[in-house]
Each structure stands twice: as structure tokens, then as C-alpha cells.
Amino acid sequence: MAFDLASLTRRPIAARDAAALAELLNAIEAADVFGEYYSESDAAEQINAPLLDLGRGTVGVFDGDLMVGYSSAAHKPFAEGVHRVVVSGGVHPDYRRRGLGAELLAAGIASAKVLHSIHHPGLPLAVDVRNNALNDSALACYRAAAMTPLRSYSHLRHPLGAAIVDVPAPEGFVFEGWSADNDPEFLAVGNEAFLERRGGVPMPPEQWRGLLGWQAFRPGLSFLLRDAGSGAAAGMLLTFSWDADTEATRVRDAHFMRIGTRSAYRRRGVAGALISHALRSAQDDGYDRASLDVDADGLTGANGLYERAGFTVARTEVSYTLKV
């Protein structure tokens, strides 16, 4: 397709661009296969994320009314040791191989520097990107920008049905479904668990409320495991499911977005019981499969746990980083 890069319009993404962003993301999905589809409302949720600085952190590229590329930089409200800004972006398949991807990556890195100077100027900055491991052109673009491989992630799937391994709750523990009353405990458990991961920082309440405000959140498939004796919340699991994915694939997927166990309750069967309970609940609720994403080189031993629960790798994504 012939086009002139100079004729394309560049500007920050705005709330009115939700339909155009959804169309672009679905075109990218058709070429790059992330397993993610978007409705206009899904895109609107991303644009309206509480901590996203649209004016300083995003760039949309337009050919008339058609969005043909974008970049988005997301700063961390809390950071320790290093401030990691995640840059995402993509180019419409019909507009590739003209340098637009490299331009947008450079724009994302520039946005990361601006956000870093505002929020954490006293820390070192690292800019992180992530993509399908099979997307050779994107990986080449990262390397050309002097970015280096950081780690890989596995997208795991579970077929439900006979593959569910029943793991009962440890003696003295009880399951609770998510509610407004125990919501603060979900956040507290998740933050404590994720602090132990590489680069883990607590999620602020504003970001948590934004996450649970997504239409994809499934409170009926989100669970807390409580120590009945002490009353302490030991572990949590949050489930999401996107209607746009179901419509596109005809597969109803229960995605376990966050799974965490407090350190005092590790190696007591908490995570295994939560996963088993959530799998069985998804099966009973008519879902076709379950999924989750995990750091393939994770330090918590979760990978083996998921394999024992019946999950297998469906695809791999890789992240690259640039120390600025």
C-alpha cells in the first residue's frame, strides 16, 4: 500500500478515539495473534485508565479518520530502585515496513522520559516493551533501538472438563467470593504477593478500582481463601473474561488475571486450592477454558504449580528493555 508518512496526522490519543483504537487493535491481532480482541468499550477502558497520561504518554497516528498506529507509555505511581515505564504500541498491517514502527517506538521512549522526569526523577529509568515471540519485525525494531531481552512470558491454557485436578482447601481454610466488604483484602493480599516478584511494587487503590471497574471483571469467579482460625486472608484469585474475545473465537475463556498468596501461607496448598476451585467454578458456569499469563523465568515456583493443575503453554511473549 502506497502512502506518504508526512501526510499522516500525529496527536495524543483522546477519549473520542475508542472506536478507532479498537479497529486498529483488532487489525493488529489478525496479523500478530495475541489472542486479544477489542470492542469499543474495551478500548475506552484502556484510554480512560486512571493513571494514563493521555497528553504526555500517548501518540496516535491517523490517515484521515483511520488510526494506523499508536504508542502508549504507562508510568509507575510507586517505584523502588528503578522506575520501569511500560511502552506499548503497534502499526496497522497495511502501514508497515515504512518506518512507522520505529517512529512510534521512539515516541514511546520519549514519552517515558517525560513521565519519568515528572514522577520519579531521582531513580534510574528503564523502558520496557513486550510482544509475541514470533513477531520478528517487532523484535528487530527493539534491537535496532538498542533494547535488550529482559524475560519471557508464557500464556497458559486449561481445557477444563476432565483435566481439572481437584485440590481441596487446606484444613481450617474457607473460600469466599469477592465482595465490596472483602475487596480491600484482595488488594492487600495481591500487593504483598506481588512485592516478592521482580520489580514488584504495590498497586495503588486508584489503579485497583480502575482494574475492577472493567466490564471484563468477573466477581462471581474471583475468590479469597481465608484462614478461619486467625481470620487472615491467605490468598486471592481474580478472574476476567472479555466478551469481544468470546464473540471472535466462540470460546468462553476465564482468564485468571491475578493470583497471589501471602508469604506466611506459602507451601500450604493455598494457591493450588484457589486455582482448582476457580477452574471448577468456571466449568460449572459454562466456560470453555481457563487461561493465565506467567513469567516463564519466575522466581516463585508458580510455573510448576500451573503445570500440575493441567495448564499448558499456548504461546510465548518476550519483553525487551532499554536502560536510559
C-alpha atoms as a PDB file:
ATOM      1  CA  MET A   1       0.000   0.000   0.000  1.00  0.00           C
ATOM      2  CA  ALA A   2       1.431   3.369  -1.034  1.00  0.00           C
ATOM      3  CA  PHE A   3       1.211   6.238   1.432  1.00  0.00           C
ATOM      4  CA  ASP A   4       3.223   9.256   2.484  1.00  0.00           C
ATOM      5  CA  LEU A   5       4.369   9.209   6.123  1.00  0.00           C
ATOM      6  CA  ALA A   6       4.409  13.000   6.143  1.00  0.00           C
ATOM      7  CA  SER A   7       0.701  13.102   5.266  1.00  0.00           C
ATOM      8  CA  LEU A   8      -0.312  11.161   8.369  1.00  0.00           C
ATOM      9  CA  THR A   9      -1.604  13.046  11.406  1.00  0.00           C
ATOM     10  CA  ARG A  10       0.070  12.587  14.797  1.00  0.00           C
ATOM     11  CA  ARG A  11      -1.589  13.650  18.032  1.00  0.00           C
ATOM     12  CA  PRO A  12      -2.269  12.389  21.562  1.00  0.00           C
ATOM     13  CA  ILE A  13      -4.987   9.763  21.827  1.00  0.00           C
ATOM     14  CA  ALA A  14      -8.296  11.133  23.140  1.00  0.00           C
ATOM     15  CA  ALA A  15     -11.431   9.622  24.642  1.00  0.00           C
ATOM     16  CA  ARG A  16     -13.239  10.030  21.319  1.00  0.00           C
ATOM     17  CA  ASP A  17     -10.774   7.597  19.680  1.00  0.00           C
ATOM     18  CA  ALA A  18     -12.110   4.425  21.330  1.00  0.00           C
ATOM     19  CA  ALA A  19     -13.756   3.025  18.189  1.00  0.00           C
ATOM     20  CA  ALA A  20     -10.710   3.814  16.037  1.00  0.00           C
ATOM     21  CA  LEU A  21      -8.354   2.228  18.584  1.00  0.00           C
ATOM     22  CA  ALA A  22     -10.479  -0.924  18.777  1.00  0.00           C
ATOM     23  CA  GLU A  23     -10.438  -1.227  14.985  1.00  0.00           C
ATOM     24  CA  LEU A  24      -6.652  -0.820  14.927  1.00  0.00           C
ATOM     25  CA  LEU A  25      -6.061  -3.330  17.742  1.00  0.00           C
ATOM     26  CA  ASN A  26      -8.227  -5.927  16.011  1.00  0.00           C
ATOM     27  CA  ALA A  27      -6.321  -5.434  12.746  1.00  0.00           C
ATOM     28  CA  ILE A  28      -3.052  -5.911  14.652  1.00  0.00           C
ATOM     29  CA  GLU A  29      -4.474  -9.051  16.303  1.00  0.00           C
ATOM     30  CA  ALA A  30      -5.268 -10.574  12.920  1.00  0.00           C
ATOM     31  CA  ALA A  31      -1.607 -10.250  11.932  1.00  0.00           C
ATOM     32  CA  ASP A  32       0.271 -10.771  15.196  1.00  0.00           C
ATOM     33  CA  VAL A  33      -2.004 -13.183  17.132  1.00  0.00           C
ATOM     34  CA  PHE A  34      -2.008 -12.134  20.774  1.00  0.00           C
ATOM     35  CA  GLY A  35      -5.346 -13.828  21.369  1.00  0.00           C
ATOM     36  CA  GLU A  36      -6.902 -10.476  22.293  1.00  0.00           C
ATOM     37  CA  TYR A  37      -9.893  -8.829  20.640  1.00  0.00           C
ATOM     38  CA  TYR A  38     -11.423  -5.462  21.435  1.00  0.00           C
ATOM     39  CA  SER A  39     -14.817  -3.863  21.476  1.00  0.00           C
ATOM     40  CA  GLU A  40     -15.181  -0.098  21.519  1.00  0.00           C
ATOM     41  CA  SER A  41     -15.924  -0.242  25.250  1.00  0.00           C
ATOM     42  CA  ASP A  42     -12.779  -2.328  25.874  1.00  0.00           C
ATOM     43  CA  ALA A  43     -10.671   0.290  24.105  1.00  0.00           C
ATOM     44  CA  ALA A  44     -12.428   3.058  26.008  1.00  0.00           C
ATOM     45  CA  GLU A  45     -11.477   1.403  29.300  1.00  0.00           C
ATOM     46  CA  GLN A  46      -7.836   1.392  28.259  1.00  0.00           C
ATOM     47  CA  ILE A  47      -7.933   5.009  27.117  1.00  0.00           C
ATOM     48  CA  ASN A  48      -9.641   6.089  30.337  1.00  0.00           C
ATOM     49  CA  ALA A  49      -7.329   4.159  32.681  1.00  0.00           C
ATOM     50  CA  PRO A  50      -6.941   6.321  35.812  1.00  0.00           C
ATOM     51  CA  LEU A  51      -3.157   6.630  35.659  1.00  0.00           C
ATOM     52  CA  LEU A  52      -2.726   7.018  31.899  1.00  0.00           C
ATOM     53  CA  ASP A  53      -1.481  10.477  30.955  1.00  0.00           C
ATOM     54  CA  LEU A  54      -3.020  10.864  27.502  1.00  0.00           C
ATOM     55  CA  GLY A  55      -1.416  14.201  26.715  1.00  0.00           C
ATOM     56  CA  ARG A  56       2.146  13.259  27.617  1.00  0.00           C
ATOM     57  CA  GLY A  57       2.071   9.469  27.358  1.00  0.00           C
ATOM     58  CA  THR A  58       0.268   8.638  24.111  1.00  0.00           C
ATOM     59  CA  VAL A  59       0.575   9.209  20.377  1.00  0.00           C
ATOM     60  CA  GLY A  60      -1.992   8.210  17.775  1.00  0.00           C
ATOM     61  CA  VAL A  61      -1.219   8.234  14.053  1.00  0.00           C
ATOM     62  CA  PHE A  62      -4.155   8.788  11.700  1.00  0.00           C
ATOM     63  CA  ASP A  63      -4.785   8.513   7.982  1.00  0.00           C
ATOM     64  CA  GLY A  64      -7.938  10.596   7.840  1.00  0.00           C
ATOM     65  CA  ASP A  65     -10.261   9.032  10.402  1.00  0.00           C
ATOM     66  CA  LEU A  66      -8.405   5.695  10.407  1.00  0.00           C
ATOM     67  CA  MET A  67      -5.982   5.128  13.277  1.00  0.00           C
ATOM     68  CA  VAL A  68      -2.990   3.381  11.712  1.00  0.00           C
ATOM     69  CA  GLY A  69      -0.568   3.313  14.641  1.00  0.00           C
ATOM     70  CA  TYR A  70      -0.177   4.236  18.284  1.00  0.00           C
ATOM     71  CA  SER A  71       2.200   4.272  21.211  1.00  0.00           C
ATOM     72  CA  SER A  72       1.388   4.467  24.904  1.00  0.00           C
ATOM     73  CA  ALA A  73       3.727   4.881  27.864  1.00  0.00           C
ATOM     74  CA  ALA A  74       2.493   3.927  31.345  1.00  0.00           C
ATOM     75  CA  HIS A  75       4.478   5.184  34.326  1.00  0.00           C
ATOM     76  CA  LYS A  76       4.508   3.503  37.746  1.00  0.00           C
ATOM     77  CA  PRO A  77       2.968   5.531  40.579  1.00  0.00           C
ATOM     78  CA  PHE A  78       5.290   3.713  43.013  1.00  0.00           C
ATOM     79  CA  ALA A  79       8.827   2.624  42.180  1.00  0.00           C
ATOM     80  CA  GLU A  80      11.789   1.287  44.135  1.00  0.00           C
ATOM     81  CA  GLY A  81      15.350   1.040  42.842  1.00  0.00           C
ATOM     82  CA  VAL A  82      14.366   1.673  39.238  1.00  0.00           C
ATOM     83  CA  HIS A  83      11.343   3.225  37.544  1.00  0.00           C
ATOM     84  CA  ARG A  84      10.080   0.859  34.851  1.00  0.00           C
ATOM     85  CA  VAL A  85       7.848   2.530  32.270  1.00  0.00           C
ATOM     86  CA  VAL A  86       5.959   0.109  30.035  1.00  0.00           C
ATOM     87  CA  VAL A  87       5.572   1.222  26.418  1.00  0.00           C
ATOM     88  CA  SER A  88       3.012  -0.485  24.194  1.00  0.00           C
ATOM     89  CA  GLY A  89       2.124   0.209  20.611  1.00  0.00           C
ATOM     90  CA  GLY A  90       1.520  -1.138  17.158  1.00  0.00           C
ATOM     91  CA  VAL A  91       1.091  -0.390  13.483  1.00  0.00           C
ATOM     92  CA  HIS A  92      -1.759  -1.384  11.196  1.00  0.00           C
ATOM     93  CA  PRO A  93      -0.569  -4.261   8.929  1.00  0.00           C
ATOM     94  CA  ASP A  94      -1.269  -2.184   5.790  1.00  0.00           C
ATOM     95  CA  TYR A  95       1.047   0.592   7.003  1.00  0.00           C
ATOM     96  CA  ARG A  96       4.075  -1.471   7.999  1.00  0.00           C
ATOM     97  CA  ARG A  97       7.619  -1.558   6.608  1.00  0.00           C
ATOM     98  CA  ARG A  98       7.774   2.194   6.102  1.00  0.00           C
ATOM     99  CA  GLY A  99       9.473   3.144   9.385  1.00  0.00           C
ATOM    100  CA  LEU A 100       6.316   3.968  11.303  1.00  0.00           C
ATOM    101  CA  GLY A 101       7.007   1.302  13.940  1.00  0.00           C
ATOM    102  CA  ALA A 102      10.460   2.714  14.678  1.00  0.00           C
ATOM    103  CA  GLU A 103       8.992   6.226  14.845  1.00  0.00           C
ATOM    104  CA  LEU A 104       6.335   5.154  17.339  1.00  0.00           C
ATOM    105  CA  LEU A 105       8.826   3.246  19.482  1.00  0.00           C
ATOM    106  CA  ALA A 106      10.997   6.369  19.619  1.00  0.00           C
ATOM    107  CA  ALA A 107       7.908   8.399  20.547  1.00  0.00           C
ATOM    108  CA  GLY A 108       7.100   5.939  23.332  1.00  0.00           C
ATOM    109  CA  ILE A 109      10.630   6.152  24.720  1.00  0.00           C
ATOM    110  CA  ALA A 110      10.446   9.956  24.586  1.00  0.00           C
ATOM    111  CA  SER A 111       7.123   9.870  26.438  1.00  0.00           C
ATOM    112  CA  ALA A 112       8.659   7.554  29.052  1.00  0.00           C
ATOM    113  CA  LYS A 113      11.431  10.085  29.674  1.00  0.00           C
ATOM    114  CA  VAL A 114       8.921  12.899  30.149  1.00  0.00           C
ATOM    115  CA  LEU A 115       6.774  10.880  32.569  1.00  0.00           C
ATOM    116  CA  HIS A 116       9.876   9.742  34.440  1.00  0.00           C
ATOM    117  CA  SER A 117      11.053  13.332  34.901  1.00  0.00           C
ATOM    118  CA  ILE A 118       7.686  14.148  36.475  1.00  0.00           C
ATOM    119  CA  HIS A 119       7.128  11.135  38.729  1.00  0.00           C
ATOM    120  CA  HIS A 120      10.481   9.586  39.689  1.00  0.00           C
ATOM    121  CA  PRO A 121      13.335  11.849  38.547  1.00  0.00           C
ATOM    122  CA  GLY A 122      15.643  10.586  41.283  1.00  0.00           C
ATOM    123  CA  LEU A 123      15.592   6.957  40.117  1.00  0.00           C
ATOM    124  CA  PRO A 124      17.168   5.242  37.114  1.00  0.00           C
ATOM    125  CA  LEU A 125      14.736   4.754  34.224  1.00  0.00           C
ATOM    126  CA  ALA A 126      14.108   1.532  32.315  1.00  0.00           C
ATOM    127  CA  VAL A 127      11.723   1.408  29.356  1.00  0.00           C
ATOM    128  CA  ASP A 128      10.079  -1.993  28.826  1.00  0.00           C
ATOM    129  CA  VAL A 129       8.193  -3.359  25.801  1.00  0.00           C
ATOM    130  CA  ARG A 130       6.522  -6.722  25.219  1.00  0.00           C
ATOM    131  CA  ASN A 131       5.439  -8.631  22.128  1.00  0.00           C
ATOM    132  CA  ASN A 132       4.666 -12.037  20.663  1.00  0.00           C
ATOM    133  CA  ALA A 133       7.898 -14.052  20.484  1.00  0.00           C
ATOM    134  CA  LEU A 134       7.125 -14.869  16.824  1.00  0.00           C
ATOM    135  CA  ASN A 135       6.842 -11.217  15.758  1.00  0.00           C
ATOM    136  CA  ASP A 136      10.269 -10.967  14.126  1.00  0.00           C
ATOM    137  CA  SER A 137       9.766  -7.452  12.744  1.00  0.00           C
ATOM    138  CA  ALA A 138       8.846  -6.028  16.153  1.00  0.00           C
ATOM    139  CA  LEU A 139      11.791  -7.731  17.833  1.00  0.00           C
ATOM    140  CA  ALA A 140      14.118  -6.385  15.139  1.00  0.00           C
ATOM    141  CA  CYS A 141      12.729  -2.910  15.811  1.00  0.00           C
ATOM    142  CA  TYR A 142      13.507  -3.265  19.516  1.00  0.00           C
ATOM    143  CA  ARG A 143      17.058  -4.386  18.815  1.00  0.00           C
ATOM    144  CA  ALA A 144      17.578  -1.500  16.405  1.00  0.00           C
ATOM    145  CA  ALA A 145      16.619   0.838  19.258  1.00  0.00           C
ATOM    146  CA  ALA A 146      19.397  -0.737  21.393  1.00  0.00           C
ATOM    147  CA  MET A 147      16.899  -2.590  23.581  1.00  0.00           C
ATOM    148  CA  THR A 148      17.959  -5.929  25.061  1.00  0.00           C
ATOM    149  CA  PRO A 149      15.930  -9.043  26.005  1.00  0.00           C
ATOM    150  CA  LEU A 150      14.618  -8.947  29.562  1.00  0.00           C
ATOM    151  CA  ARG A 151      12.439 -12.008  30.113  1.00  0.00           C
ATOM    152  CA  SER A 152       9.802 -14.205  28.521  1.00  0.00           C
ATOM    153  CA  TYR A 153       6.194 -14.868  29.472  1.00  0.00           C
ATOM    154  CA  SER A 154       4.015 -17.897  28.841  1.00  0.00           C
ATOM    155  CA  HIS A 155       0.312 -17.729  28.067  1.00  0.00           C
ATOM    156  CA  LEU A 156      -1.140 -20.900  29.562  1.00  0.00           C
ATOM    157  CA  ARG A 157      -4.484 -22.531  28.868  1.00  0.00           C
ATOM    158  CA  HIS A 158      -6.585 -25.141  30.623  1.00  0.00           C
ATOM    159  CA  PRO A 159      -9.336 -27.086  28.806  1.00  0.00           C
ATOM    160  CA  LEU A 160     -11.492 -27.599  31.942  1.00  0.00           C
ATOM    161  CA  GLY A 161     -13.638 -30.736  31.988  1.00  0.00           C
ATOM    162  CA  ALA A 162     -11.798 -33.923  32.905  1.00  0.00           C
ATOM    163  CA  ALA A 163      -8.471 -32.035  33.034  1.00  0.00           C
ATOM    164  CA  ILE A 164      -9.432 -30.290  36.292  1.00  0.00           C
ATOM    165  CA  VAL A 165      -7.355 -31.559  39.196  1.00  0.00           C
ATOM    166  CA  ASP A 166      -9.415 -31.320  42.386  1.00  0.00           C
ATOM    167  CA  VAL A 167      -7.392 -29.786  45.212  1.00  0.00           C
ATOM    168  CA  PRO A 168      -9.367 -29.207  48.421  1.00  0.00           C
ATOM    169  CA  ALA A 169      -8.810 -26.206  50.642  1.00  0.00           C
ATOM    170  CA  PRO A 170      -6.289 -26.855  53.424  1.00  0.00           C
ATOM    171  CA  GLU A 171      -7.896 -27.828  56.710  1.00  0.00           C
ATOM    172  CA  GLY A 172      -9.172 -24.787  58.544  1.00  0.00           C
ATOM    173  CA  PHE A 173      -9.435 -22.605  55.426  1.00  0.00           C
ATOM    174  CA  VAL A 174     -12.616 -21.407  53.699  1.00  0.00           C
ATOM    175  CA  PHE A 175     -13.359 -19.884  50.283  1.00  0.00           C
ATOM    176  CA  GLU A 176     -15.074 -16.541  49.924  1.00  0.00           C
ATOM    177  CA  GLY A 177     -16.292 -14.892  46.764  1.00  0.00           C
ATOM    178  CA  TRP A 178     -15.320 -11.315  46.012  1.00  0.00           C
ATOM    179  CA  SER A 179     -17.489  -8.650  47.636  1.00  0.00           C
ATOM    180  CA  ALA A 180     -17.278  -4.963  48.377  1.00  0.00           C
ATOM    181  CA  ASP A 181     -16.626  -5.886  52.010  1.00  0.00           C
ATOM    182  CA  ASN A 182     -13.567  -8.071  51.399  1.00  0.00           C
ATOM    183  CA  ASP A 183     -12.284  -6.105  48.394  1.00  0.00           C
ATOM    184  CA  PRO A 184      -9.590  -4.323  50.492  1.00  0.00           C
ATOM    185  CA  GLU A 185      -8.245  -7.746  51.490  1.00  0.00           C
ATOM    186  CA  PHE A 186      -7.961  -8.792  47.833  1.00  0.00           C
ATOM    187  CA  LEU A 187      -5.831  -5.713  47.197  1.00  0.00           C
ATOM    188  CA  ALA A 188      -3.711  -6.230  50.321  1.00  0.00           C
ATOM    189  CA  VAL A 189      -3.004  -9.886  49.552  1.00  0.00           C
ATOM    190  CA  GLY A 190      -2.210  -9.123  45.932  1.00  0.00           C
ATOM    191  CA  ASN A 191       0.166  -6.328  46.828  1.00  0.00           C
ATOM    192  CA  GLU A 192       2.022  -8.395  49.397  1.00  0.00           C
ATOM    193  CA  ALA A 193       2.370 -11.315  46.998  1.00  0.00           C
ATOM    194  CA  PHE A 194       3.485  -9.201  44.047  1.00  0.00           C
ATOM    195  CA  LEU A 195       6.097  -7.316  46.066  1.00  0.00           C
ATOM    196  CA  GLU A 196       8.146 -10.513  46.057  1.00  0.00           C
ATOM    197  CA  ARG A 197       8.276 -10.632  42.278  1.00  0.00           C
ATOM    198  CA  ARG A 198      10.988  -8.978  40.237  1.00  0.00           C
ATOM    199  CA  GLY A 199      10.291  -5.279  40.092  1.00  0.00           C
ATOM    200  CA  GLY A 200       7.123  -5.726  42.122  1.00  0.00           C
ATOM    201  CA  VAL A 201       5.578  -2.555  43.510  1.00  0.00           C
ATOM    202  CA  PRO A 202       2.226  -2.107  45.264  1.00  0.00           C
ATOM    203  CA  MET A 203      -0.807  -1.277  43.162  1.00  0.00           C
ATOM    204  CA  PRO A 204      -2.373   1.972  44.405  1.00  0.00           C
ATOM    205  CA  PRO A 205      -6.100   1.938  45.279  1.00  0.00           C
ATOM    206  CA  GLU A 206      -6.932   4.230  42.342  1.00  0.00           C
ATOM    207  CA  GLN A 207      -5.415   1.782  39.860  1.00  0.00           C
ATOM    208  CA  TRP A 208      -7.091  -1.168  41.627  1.00  0.00           C
ATOM    209  CA  ARG A 209     -10.504   0.484  41.389  1.00  0.00           C
ATOM    210  CA  GLY A 210      -9.898   1.121  37.709  1.00  0.00           C
ATOM    211  CA  LEU A 211      -8.970  -2.526  37.120  1.00  0.00           C
ATOM    212  CA  LEU A 212     -12.056  -3.870  38.882  1.00  0.00           C
ATOM    213  CA  GLY A 213     -14.170  -1.335  37.035  1.00  0.00           C
ATOM    214  CA  TRP A 214     -13.512  -3.102  33.722  1.00  0.00           C
ATOM    215  CA  GLN A 215     -16.552  -4.785  32.199  1.00  0.00           C
ATOM    216  CA  ALA A 216     -14.462  -7.954  31.935  1.00  0.00           C
ATOM    217  CA  PHE A 217     -14.125  -8.379  35.719  1.00  0.00           C
ATOM    218  CA  ARG A 218     -15.974 -11.480  36.922  1.00  0.00           C
ATOM    219  CA  PRO A 219     -16.629 -11.119  40.672  1.00  0.00           C
ATOM    220  CA  GLY A 220     -18.515 -14.422  40.731  1.00  0.00           C
ATOM    221  CA  LEU A 221     -15.334 -16.246  39.683  1.00  0.00           C
ATOM    222  CA  SER A 222     -12.952 -14.303  41.946  1.00  0.00           C
ATOM    223  CA  PHE A 223     -12.091 -15.858  45.282  1.00  0.00           C
ATOM    224  CA  LEU A 224     -10.348 -15.294  48.588  1.00  0.00           C
ATOM    225  CA  LEU A 225      -9.072 -18.154  50.760  1.00  0.00           C
ATOM    226  CA  ARG A 226      -9.321 -17.300  54.459  1.00  0.00           C
ATOM    227  CA  ASP A 227      -7.656 -18.850  57.481  1.00  0.00           C
ATOM    228  CA  ALA A 228     -10.759 -19.455  59.603  1.00  0.00           C
ATOM    229  CA  GLY A 229      -8.708 -19.710  62.789  1.00  0.00           C
ATOM    230  CA  SER A 230      -6.921 -16.372  62.583  1.00  0.00           C
ATOM    231  CA  GLY A 231      -9.353 -14.662  60.241  1.00  0.00           C
ATOM    232  CA  ALA A 232      -6.477 -13.651  57.943  1.00  0.00           C
ATOM    233  CA  ALA A 233      -6.862 -13.633  54.172  1.00  0.00           C
ATOM    234  CA  ALA A 234      -4.246 -16.102  52.887  1.00  0.00           C
ATOM    235  CA  GLY A 235      -4.632 -15.939  49.118  1.00  0.00           C
ATOM    236  CA  MET A 236      -6.652 -14.420  46.293  1.00  0.00           C
ATOM    237  CA  LEU A 237      -7.568 -15.017  42.647  1.00  0.00           C
ATOM    238  CA  LEU A 238      -9.171 -12.528  40.249  1.00  0.00           C
ATOM    239  CA  THR A 239     -10.928 -13.639  37.058  1.00  0.00           C
ATOM    240  CA  PHE A 240     -11.678 -11.633  33.928  1.00  0.00           C
ATOM    241  CA  SER A 241     -13.446 -12.582  30.684  1.00  0.00           C
ATOM    242  CA  TRP A 242     -13.774 -10.429  27.581  1.00  0.00           C
ATOM    243  CA  ASP A 243     -16.996 -10.564  25.565  1.00  0.00           C
ATOM    244  CA  ALA A 244     -15.133  -9.415  22.437  1.00  0.00           C
ATOM    245  CA  ASP A 245     -12.846 -12.468  22.694  1.00  0.00           C
ATOM    246  CA  THR A 246     -15.836 -14.766  23.055  1.00  0.00           C
ATOM    247  CA  GLU A 247     -17.586 -13.198  20.061  1.00  0.00           C
ATOM    248  CA  ALA A 248     -14.483 -13.502  17.863  1.00  0.00           C
ATOM    249  CA  THR A 249     -13.407 -17.020  18.870  1.00  0.00           C
ATOM    250  CA  ARG A 250     -16.657 -18.641  20.046  1.00  0.00           C
ATOM    251  CA  VAL A 251     -14.634 -19.763  23.060  1.00  0.00           C
ATOM    252  CA  ARG A 252     -15.629 -18.516  26.504  1.00  0.00           C
ATOM    253  CA  ASP A 253     -12.368 -18.054  28.391  1.00  0.00           C
ATOM    254  CA  ALA A 254     -11.983 -17.438  32.144  1.00  0.00           C
ATOM    255  CA  HIS A 255      -8.703 -15.548  32.465  1.00  0.00           C
ATOM    256  CA  PHE A 256      -7.074 -15.651  35.901  1.00  0.00           C
ATOM    257  CA  MET A 257      -5.643 -12.145  35.893  1.00  0.00           C
ATOM    258  CA  ARG A 258      -4.062 -12.123  39.349  1.00  0.00           C
ATOM    259  CA  ILE A 259      -3.208 -14.961  41.727  1.00  0.00           C
ATOM    260  CA  GLY A 260      -1.390 -14.283  44.983  1.00  0.00           C
ATOM    261  CA  THR A 261      -0.540 -15.931  48.276  1.00  0.00           C
ATOM    262  CA  ARG A 262       0.768 -14.188  51.386  1.00  0.00           C
ATOM    263  CA  SER A 263       4.289 -15.282  52.249  1.00  0.00           C
ATOM    264  CA  ALA A 264       3.218 -16.687  55.638  1.00  0.00           C
ATOM    265  CA  TYR A 265       0.920 -19.149  53.840  1.00  0.00           C
ATOM    266  CA  ARG A 266       3.264 -20.367  51.121  1.00  0.00           C
ATOM    267  CA  ARG A 267       3.724 -24.115  50.621  1.00  0.00           C
ATOM    268  CA  ARG A 268       0.459 -24.910  52.371  1.00  0.00           C
ATOM    269  CA  GLY A 269      -1.667 -25.572  49.287  1.00  0.00           C
ATOM    270  CA  VAL A 270      -3.357 -22.173  49.193  1.00  0.00           C
ATOM    271  CA  ALA A 271      -2.688 -21.309  45.537  1.00  0.00           C
ATOM    272  CA  GLY A 272      -3.418 -24.844  44.330  1.00  0.00           C
ATOM    273  CA  ALA A 273      -6.755 -24.869  46.141  1.00  0.00           C
ATOM    274  CA  LEU A 274      -7.726 -21.447  44.770  1.00  0.00           C
ATOM    275  CA  ILE A 275      -6.891 -22.479  41.210  1.00  0.00           C
ATOM    276  CA  SER A 276      -8.779 -25.758  41.486  1.00  0.00           C
ATOM    277  CA  HIS A 277     -11.809 -24.007  42.997  1.00  0.00           C
ATOM    278  CA  ALA A 278     -11.783 -21.344  40.267  1.00  0.00           C
ATOM    279  CA  LEU A 279     -11.424 -23.939  37.494  1.00  0.00           C
ATOM    280  CA  ARG A 280     -14.335 -25.959  38.821  1.00  0.00           C
ATOM    281  CA  SER A 281     -16.436 -22.810  39.229  1.00  0.00           C
ATOM    282  CA  ALA A 282     -15.673 -21.726  35.661  1.00  0.00           C
ATOM    283  CA  GLN A 283     -16.640 -25.176  34.405  1.00  0.00           C
ATOM    284  CA  ASP A 284     -19.918 -25.038  36.337  1.00  0.00           C
ATOM    285  CA  ASP A 285     -20.598 -21.558  34.959  1.00  0.00           C
ATOM    286  CA  GLY A 286     -20.359 -22.747  31.351  1.00  0.00           C
ATOM    287  CA  TYR A 287     -16.865 -21.565  30.408  1.00  0.00           C
ATOM    288  CA  ASP A 288     -14.958 -23.469  27.722  1.00  0.00           C
ATOM    289  CA  ARG A 289     -11.452 -22.984  29.098  1.00  0.00           C
ATOM    290  CA  ALA A 290      -9.305 -21.022  31.535  1.00  0.00           C
ATOM    291  CA  SER A 291      -6.085 -19.118  30.932  1.00  0.00           C
ATOM    292  CA  LEU A 292      -3.384 -17.134  32.679  1.00  0.00           C
ATOM    293  CA  ASP A 293      -0.045 -15.436  31.958  1.00  0.00           C
ATOM    294  CA  VAL A 294       3.097 -16.243  33.913  1.00  0.00           C
ATOM    295  CA  ASP A 295       6.709 -15.131  33.950  1.00  0.00           C
ATOM    296  CA  ALA A 296       8.411 -18.066  32.249  1.00  0.00           C
ATOM    297  CA  ASP A 297      11.521 -17.478  34.363  1.00  0.00           C
ATOM    298  CA  GLY A 298       9.589 -16.686  37.527  1.00  0.00           C
ATOM    299  CA  LEU A 299      11.157 -16.948  40.940  1.00  0.00           C
ATOM    300  CA  THR A 300       8.091 -18.068  42.891  1.00  0.00           C
ATOM    301  CA  GLY A 301       7.783 -21.637  41.575  1.00  0.00           C
ATOM    302  CA  ALA A 302       4.345 -20.890  40.128  1.00  0.00           C
ATOM    303  CA  ASN A 303       5.124 -22.458  36.751  1.00  0.00           C
ATOM    304  CA  GLY A 304       5.246 -25.973  38.169  1.00  0.00           C
ATOM    305  CA  LEU A 305       2.059 -25.319  40.112  1.00  0.00           C
ATOM    306  CA  TYR A 306       0.178 -24.404  36.942  1.00  0.00           C
ATOM    307  CA  GLU A 307       1.523 -27.416  35.065  1.00  0.00           C
ATOM    308  CA  ARG A 308       0.351 -29.732  37.838  1.00  0.00           C
ATOM    309  CA  ALA A 309      -3.052 -28.060  37.686  1.00  0.00           C
ATOM    310  CA  GLY A 310      -3.332 -29.012  33.990  1.00  0.00           C
ATOM    311  CA  PHE A 311      -2.279 -25.800  32.209  1.00  0.00           C
ATOM    312  CA  THR A 312      -0.158 -25.983  29.048  1.00  0.00           C
ATOM    313  CA  VAL A 313       1.684 -23.300  27.072  1.00  0.00           C
ATOM    314  CA  ALA A 314      -0.322 -21.797  24.191  1.00  0.00           C
ATOM    315  CA  ARG A 315       2.084 -19.025  23.163  1.00  0.00           C
ATOM    316  CA  THR A 316       5.123 -17.130  24.369  1.00  0.00           C
ATOM    317  CA  GLU A 317       5.743 -13.410  24.618  1.00  0.00           C
ATOM    318  CA  VAL A 318       9.062 -11.673  25.217  1.00  0.00           C
ATOM    319  CA  SER A 319       9.956  -8.363  26.794  1.00  0.00           C
ATOM    320  CA  TYR A 320      12.838  -6.060  25.914  1.00  0.00           C
ATOM    321  CA  THR A 321      14.233  -3.210  27.960  1.00  0.00           C
ATOM    322  CA  LEU A 322      16.241  -0.037  27.497  1.00  0.00           C
ATOM    323  CA  LYS A 323      18.169   1.494  30.386  1.00  0.00           C
ATOM    324  CA  VAL A 324      18.017   5.247  29.897  1.00  0.00           C
END
